[in-house]
Amino acid sequence: MKKIAFIGMMGSGKTTLARIISEKTGLRCYCTDEYIENKQGRSISQIFEAEGENYFRNLETEAIKELMSLGDMILSTGGGIVLNRENIDNLKKNGFTIILLNRSVDKILKSIDGNDRPLLKDDITKIEEIYRTREFLYKQNCDIIINNNDDINETVDRLMNVLMDIGE
């Protein structure tokens, strides 16, 4: 059995890497944000705008509960997943290995589009504040840290080595 959850900041490469690792391992890939968007029939930005962040965070917790029952997978979580302790507890209780994809703020800023990130809508520099607020929670709640500041192929190789170490 292999259940892997990627946590980390928006723009840290969670969904991209989850898809690549899924292809290499044959594990199913799920993304909490995409799951929520499909279930709600609207984008995360639209949910934030219409209902607010608290409503979205509740949807995120429900998505985790629903997805973790689907067996082995690579799960890409939203950047704020660590803000609700219940999310981490549910993942751990259900046998997930939690991998932090850590990336420098400079690299994150180069890879994100503020128009698609509701928390950055008004101020792109807000990412530094969000990073400082969440960094401790990410590191406290992960089992493994993988730095994703390098070439994506190097990061994929590191992830594949980690997955081999935790057992096929």
Protein backbone atom coordinates (compact mmCIF):
# COMPACT_ATOMS: atom_id res chain seq x y z
CA MET A 1 0.00 0.00 0.00
CA LYS A 2 1.26 3.44 -0.88
CA LYS A 3 -0.49 6.65 -0.04
CA ILE A 4 1.47 9.82 -0.63
CA ALA A 5 0.29 13.38 0.05
CA PHE A 6 2.20 16.41 -1.20
CA ILE A 7 1.94 19.55 0.90
CA GLY A 8 3.56 22.94 0.38
CA MET A 9 3.02 26.45 -0.81
CA MET A 10 1.05 27.37 -3.88
CA GLY A 11 3.46 27.22 -6.78
CA SER A 12 5.71 24.63 -5.13
CA GLY A 13 5.00 22.09 -7.87
CA LYS A 14 2.65 19.75 -5.99
CA THR A 15 0.19 19.03 -8.80
CA THR A 16 2.79 18.92 -11.58
CA LEU A 17 4.98 16.52 -9.63
CA ALA A 18 2.00 14.43 -8.49
CA ARG A 19 1.04 13.86 -12.13
CA ILE A 20 4.59 12.93 -13.14
CA ILE A 21 5.04 10.55 -10.19
CA SER A 22 1.62 9.05 -10.90
CA GLU A 23 2.68 8.25 -14.47
CA LYS A 24 5.95 6.71 -13.30
CA THR A 25 4.43 4.60 -10.51
CA GLY A 26 0.97 3.79 -11.83
CA LEU A 27 -0.58 5.25 -8.68
CA ARG A 28 -3.74 7.26 -9.19
CA CYS A 29 -3.33 11.02 -8.87
CA TYR A 30 -5.80 13.35 -7.20
CA CYS A 31 -5.66 17.08 -6.56
CA THR A 32 -7.85 18.48 -3.79
CA ASP A 33 -8.33 21.80 -5.60
CA GLU A 34 -9.41 20.10 -8.84
CA TYR A 35 -11.66 17.74 -6.89
CA ILE A 36 -13.36 20.70 -5.21
CA GLU A 37 -13.71 22.60 -8.49
CA ASN A 38 -15.30 19.59 -10.20
CA LYS A 39 -17.65 18.92 -7.32
CA GLN A 40 -18.66 22.59 -6.96
CA GLY A 41 -18.80 23.35 -10.68
CA ARG A 42 -16.76 26.52 -10.25
CA SER A 43 -13.17 27.63 -9.78
CA ILE A 44 -11.40 28.08 -6.45
CA SER A 45 -11.28 31.83 -7.16
CA GLN A 46 -15.05 31.88 -7.68
CA ILE A 47 -15.60 29.96 -4.43
CA PHE A 48 -13.37 32.40 -2.51
CA GLU A 49 -15.12 35.39 -4.04
CA ALA A 50 -18.67 34.14 -3.44
CA GLU A 51 -18.31 32.24 -0.17
CA GLY A 52 -15.02 33.27 1.46
CA GLU A 53 -11.95 31.43 2.67
CA ASN A 54 -13.60 29.66 5.64
CA TYR A 55 -16.18 28.05 3.36
CA PHE A 56 -13.42 26.89 1.03
CA ARG A 57 -11.38 25.46 3.93
CA ASN A 58 -14.41 23.40 4.97
CA LEU A 59 -14.73 22.08 1.41
CA GLU A 60 -11.04 21.19 1.53
CA THR A 61 -11.51 19.15 4.72
CA GLU A 62 -14.47 17.32 3.18
CA ALA A 63 -12.47 16.63 0.02
CA ILE A 64 -9.65 15.07 2.07
CA LYS A 65 -12.14 12.83 3.87
CA GLU A 66 -13.72 11.70 0.60
CA LEU A 67 -10.49 11.19 -1.33
CA MET A 68 -8.58 9.25 1.30
CA SER A 69 -11.04 6.39 1.09
CA LEU A 70 -10.07 5.71 -2.54
CA GLY A 71 -7.00 3.60 -1.76
CA ASP A 72 -3.42 4.07 -2.89
CA MET A 73 -2.71 7.40 -4.55
CA ILE A 74 -0.57 10.46 -4.97
CA LEU A 75 -2.54 13.37 -3.49
CA SER A 76 -1.73 16.98 -4.30
CA THR A 77 -3.19 19.18 -1.58
CA GLY A 78 -3.99 22.87 -1.52
CA GLY A 79 -1.42 25.19 0.02
CA GLY A 80 -3.59 25.88 3.07
CA ILE A 81 -4.28 22.25 3.95
CA VAL A 82 -2.10 22.56 7.07
CA LEU A 83 -4.23 25.37 8.49
CA ASN A 84 -6.74 22.80 9.76
CA ARG A 85 -5.13 20.16 11.99
CA GLU A 86 -7.97 17.76 11.17
CA ASN A 87 -6.67 17.47 7.59
CA ILE A 88 -3.21 16.31 8.68
CA ASP A 89 -4.66 14.00 11.35
CA ASN A 90 -6.96 12.38 8.77
CA LEU A 91 -4.12 11.84 6.31
CA LYS A 92 -1.85 10.32 8.95
CA LYS A 93 -4.60 8.10 10.41
CA ASN A 94 -5.23 6.76 6.92
CA GLY A 95 -1.62 5.81 6.29
CA PHE A 96 -0.45 8.69 4.11
CA THR A 97 3.22 9.62 3.96
CA ILE A 98 3.25 13.41 3.88
CA ILE A 99 5.93 14.96 1.69
CA LEU A 100 6.64 18.68 1.85
CA LEU A 101 7.64 20.09 -1.52
CA ASN A 102 9.70 23.02 -0.33
CA ARG A 103 10.53 25.84 -2.70
CA SER A 104 12.06 29.29 -2.26
CA VAL A 105 9.77 32.30 -2.44
CA ASP A 106 11.72 33.55 -5.49
CA LYS A 107 11.04 30.32 -7.39
CA ILE A 108 7.38 30.33 -6.31
CA LEU A 109 6.90 33.89 -7.54
CA LYS A 110 8.29 32.91 -10.94
CA SER A 111 5.89 29.97 -11.26
CA ILE A 112 2.53 31.36 -10.15
CA ASP A 113 -0.13 33.47 -11.74
CA GLY A 114 -1.72 35.79 -9.18
CA ASN A 115 -4.96 35.86 -11.17
CA ASP A 116 -5.59 32.20 -10.37
CA ARG A 117 -4.59 32.48 -6.70
CA PRO A 118 -7.39 34.03 -4.63
CA LEU A 119 -5.20 34.81 -1.62
CA LEU A 120 -2.83 36.77 -3.87
CA LYS A 121 -5.48 38.59 -5.86
CA ASP A 122 -4.71 42.04 -4.47
CA ASP A 123 -1.02 41.80 -3.62
CA ILE A 124 1.47 39.42 -5.20
CA THR A 125 4.02 40.21 -2.45
CA LYS A 126 1.61 38.67 0.05
CA ILE A 127 3.20 35.33 -0.78
CA GLU A 128 6.12 36.09 1.55
CA GLU A 129 3.71 36.67 4.42
CA ILE A 130 1.80 33.47 3.64
CA TYR A 131 5.07 31.55 3.38
CA ARG A 132 6.28 32.81 6.79
CA THR A 133 2.91 31.96 8.36
CA ARG A 134 2.78 28.41 7.01
CA GLU A 135 6.45 27.35 6.89
CA PHE A 136 6.47 26.01 10.46
CA LEU A 137 3.21 24.11 9.92
CA TYR A 138 4.52 22.50 6.74
CA LYS A 139 7.74 21.37 8.40
CA GLN A 140 6.01 20.26 11.61
CA ASN A 141 3.46 18.11 9.78
CA CYS A 142 5.51 16.42 7.06
CA ASP A 143 7.32 13.10 7.15
CA ILE A 144 9.82 14.04 4.43
CA ILE A 145 11.05 17.32 2.93
CA ILE A 146 12.00 17.50 -0.75
CA ASN A 147 13.45 20.75 -2.05
CA ASN A 148 12.05 21.71 -5.43
CA ASN A 149 14.35 24.56 -6.40
CA ASP A 150 16.23 22.61 -9.05
CA ASP A 151 15.47 21.15 -12.43
CA ILE A 152 12.17 19.25 -12.34
CA ASN A 153 13.89 16.04 -13.47
CA GLU A 154 16.22 16.19 -10.45
CA THR A 155 13.23 16.66 -8.16
CA VAL A 156 11.44 13.72 -9.80
CA ASP A 157 14.54 11.55 -9.30
CA ARG A 158 14.70 12.52 -5.61
CA LEU A 159 11.00 11.74 -5.18
CA MET A 160 11.34 8.37 -6.89
CA ASN A 161 14.27 7.48 -4.61
CA VAL A 162 12.22 8.45 -1.55
CA LEU A 163 9.28 6.36 -2.75
CA MET A 164 11.56 3.35 -3.24
CA ASP A 165 12.90 3.84 0.29
CA ILE A 166 9.43 3.83 1.85
CA GLY A 167 8.56 0.64 0.00
CA GLU A 168 6.82 -0.36 -3.16
